[in-house]
Amino acid sequence: MTSQPTGTAAASSLVSGRVSASQGRVAVRGISARGFHGVFAHERSDGQDFVVDVVLEIDLGPAADSDDLADTVDYGGVAAAVVADIEGEPLNLIEALASRIADTCLRFERVTSAEVTVHKPQAPMPVRVSDVAVTLVRCRPDSPDHVRDGEI
């Protein structure tokens, strides 16, 4: 009979499909900036506020042991990079913006996967809504969580 993971390891295995005692997540929520994304002319000319939440999977063990910023992801740097993506070249869809931001997050060395939610609270809609959002999850290609086309 094999032993089952418990506690944090069990939670990690549920989230990522594998067990790692130090695997964890860093969340940065509510990153806000003005962007000019959208399909309508007024969105491109007037712009609007976008709000982004990122949840980054990393190995927290080295930072937990060393208490050194060099052993984790600099979430201030992540937030600044996300703002640069929001303020960058306009895109038609928030799905494309989420993809751009996920790629940026994966450029941080210790990040193995990124969950990105882009909120567009002022999205032009035919009815009143409080928010429109998309969420995209992307893994580093060399990550054990990454599934290549045709593999399941």
Protein backbone atom coordinates (compact mmCIF):
# COMPACT_ATOMS: atom_id res chain seq x y z
CA MET A 1 0.00 0.00 0.00
CA THR A 2 1.43 3.39 -0.98
CA SER A 3 1.16 6.37 1.31
CA GLN A 4 -0.95 9.32 0.22
CA PRO A 5 0.37 12.90 0.43
CA THR A 6 -1.08 15.01 3.20
CA GLY A 7 -1.26 18.70 4.06
CA THR A 8 0.50 21.11 1.72
CA ALA A 9 1.84 18.31 -0.48
CA ALA A 10 -1.67 16.99 -1.00
CA ALA A 11 -2.96 20.44 -1.89
CA SER A 12 -0.09 20.93 -4.34
CA SER A 13 -0.77 17.58 -5.97
CA LEU A 14 -4.42 18.50 -6.42
CA VAL A 15 -3.54 21.79 -8.08
CA SER A 16 -0.66 20.75 -10.29
CA GLY A 17 -1.04 17.00 -10.65
CA ARG A 18 2.27 16.29 -8.95
CA VAL A 19 3.56 16.30 -5.39
CA SER A 20 6.24 18.74 -4.29
CA ALA A 21 6.72 19.74 -0.69
CA SER A 22 7.86 23.25 -1.63
CA GLN A 23 5.87 23.95 -4.77
CA GLY A 24 3.62 26.93 -4.21
CA ARG A 25 1.97 29.96 -5.70
CA VAL A 26 2.65 33.68 -5.60
CA ALA A 27 -0.44 35.77 -6.35
CA VAL A 28 -0.42 39.41 -7.36
CA ARG A 29 -3.97 40.70 -7.72
CA GLY A 30 -5.44 43.98 -8.88
CA ILE A 31 -2.59 45.21 -11.10
CA SER A 32 -4.17 48.22 -12.83
CA ALA A 33 -3.18 50.31 -15.82
CA ARG A 34 -4.73 52.15 -18.74
CA GLY A 35 -4.65 50.42 -22.08
CA PHE A 36 -6.08 50.93 -25.56
CA HIS A 37 -7.22 47.37 -26.28
CA GLY A 38 -10.49 46.56 -28.01
CA VAL A 39 -12.17 46.19 -31.37
CA PHE A 40 -14.06 49.50 -31.33
CA ALA A 41 -12.55 52.81 -32.44
CA HIS A 42 -13.46 54.57 -29.18
CA GLU A 43 -11.60 51.89 -27.19
CA ARG A 44 -8.50 52.54 -29.26
CA SER A 45 -8.74 56.34 -29.04
CA ASP A 46 -10.01 56.83 -25.47
CA GLY A 47 -8.54 53.79 -23.72
CA GLN A 48 -9.84 52.27 -20.51
CA ASP A 49 -8.62 50.74 -17.28
CA PHE A 50 -7.65 47.08 -17.19
CA VAL A 51 -7.13 45.06 -14.03
CA VAL A 52 -4.97 41.94 -14.01
CA ASP A 53 -4.53 39.13 -11.50
CA VAL A 54 -1.59 36.75 -11.84
CA VAL A 55 -0.98 33.53 -9.94
CA LEU A 56 2.50 32.17 -10.49
CA GLU A 57 3.57 28.64 -9.62
CA ILE A 58 7.13 28.44 -8.33
CA ASP A 59 9.28 26.34 -6.02
CA LEU A 60 9.03 28.26 -2.74
CA GLY A 61 11.49 26.00 -0.91
CA PRO A 62 14.71 27.89 -1.66
CA ALA A 63 13.22 31.25 -0.58
CA ALA A 64 11.60 29.72 2.49
CA ASP A 65 14.99 28.31 3.52
CA SER A 66 17.15 31.33 2.65
CA ASP A 67 14.79 34.29 3.27
CA ASP A 68 16.48 35.86 0.21
CA LEU A 69 14.64 37.66 -2.61
CA ALA A 70 17.08 36.17 -5.11
CA ASP A 71 15.56 32.74 -4.40
CA THR A 72 12.00 33.64 -5.40
CA VAL A 73 10.20 35.71 -8.00
CA ASP A 74 10.31 39.49 -7.53
CA TYR A 75 6.59 40.25 -7.54
CA GLY A 76 7.28 43.97 -7.82
CA GLY A 77 9.12 43.22 -11.04
CA VAL A 78 6.25 41.02 -12.21
CA ALA A 79 3.71 43.79 -11.50
CA ALA A 80 5.80 46.36 -13.40
CA ALA A 81 6.13 44.00 -16.38
CA VAL A 82 2.35 43.40 -16.40
CA VAL A 83 1.71 47.17 -16.41
CA ALA A 84 4.10 47.51 -19.36
CA ASP A 85 2.12 44.82 -21.21
CA ILE A 86 -1.21 46.56 -20.49
CA GLU A 87 0.18 49.91 -21.62
CA GLY A 88 1.91 48.34 -24.65
CA GLU A 89 0.86 47.83 -28.25
CA PRO A 90 -2.96 47.71 -28.51
CA LEU A 91 -4.64 44.37 -29.12
CA ASN A 92 -8.18 43.59 -30.21
CA LEU A 93 -9.02 40.99 -27.58
CA ILE A 94 -8.35 40.60 -23.87
CA GLU A 95 -7.61 36.95 -24.65
CA ALA A 96 -4.57 38.13 -26.61
CA LEU A 97 -3.58 40.47 -23.78
CA ALA A 98 -3.80 37.59 -21.29
CA SER A 99 -1.54 35.54 -23.58
CA ARG A 100 1.00 38.37 -23.81
CA ILE A 101 1.04 38.73 -20.02
CA ALA A 102 1.37 34.96 -19.46
CA ASP A 103 4.39 34.89 -21.79
CA THR A 104 5.91 37.78 -19.85
CA CYS A 105 5.37 36.00 -16.52
CA LEU A 106 7.04 32.84 -17.83
CA ARG A 107 10.15 34.86 -18.69
CA PHE A 108 10.81 35.15 -14.95
CA GLU A 109 13.29 32.35 -14.29
CA ARG A 110 11.61 30.62 -11.35
CA VAL A 111 8.03 30.70 -12.70
CA THR A 112 6.87 27.30 -13.96
CA SER A 113 3.28 28.26 -14.76
CA ALA A 114 1.16 31.39 -14.83
CA GLU A 115 -2.57 31.87 -14.42
CA VAL A 116 -3.56 35.28 -15.78
CA THR A 117 -6.96 36.91 -15.42
CA VAL A 118 -7.56 40.11 -17.37
CA HIS A 119 -10.54 42.16 -16.22
CA LYS A 120 -12.10 44.75 -18.52
CA PRO A 121 -14.64 46.42 -16.21
CA GLN A 122 -15.60 49.11 -18.74
CA ALA A 123 -16.09 46.72 -21.65
CA PRO A 124 -18.78 47.95 -24.03
CA MET A 125 -21.71 45.63 -23.45
CA PRO A 126 -25.38 45.71 -24.55
CA VAL A 127 -26.46 45.22 -20.91
CA ARG A 128 -25.08 46.40 -17.57
CA VAL A 129 -22.31 44.16 -16.18
CA SER A 130 -19.82 44.79 -13.41
CA ASP A 131 -16.91 43.08 -15.17
CA VAL A 132 -15.80 41.07 -18.16
CA ALA A 133 -12.77 38.84 -17.62
CA VAL A 134 -10.83 36.04 -19.23
CA THR A 135 -8.49 33.62 -17.51
CA LEU A 136 -5.65 31.83 -19.24
CA VAL A 137 -3.22 29.28 -17.78
CA ARG A 138 0.11 28.66 -19.42
CA CYS A 139 3.02 26.42 -18.39
CA ARG A 140 6.67 26.76 -19.26
CA PRO A 141 7.35 24.35 -22.17
CA ASP A 142 10.00 22.50 -20.14
CA SER A 143 7.70 22.21 -17.09
CA PRO A 144 6.43 18.77 -16.06
CA ASP A 145 2.93 20.32 -16.18
CA HIS A 146 3.26 21.21 -19.86
CA VAL A 147 1.30 19.02 -22.25
CA ARG A 148 2.49 19.10 -25.84
CA ASP A 149 0.04 18.87 -28.72
CA GLY A 150 -1.19 15.33 -29.15
CA GLU A 151 -0.04 14.16 -25.70
CA ILE A 152 -2.51 13.50 -22.94
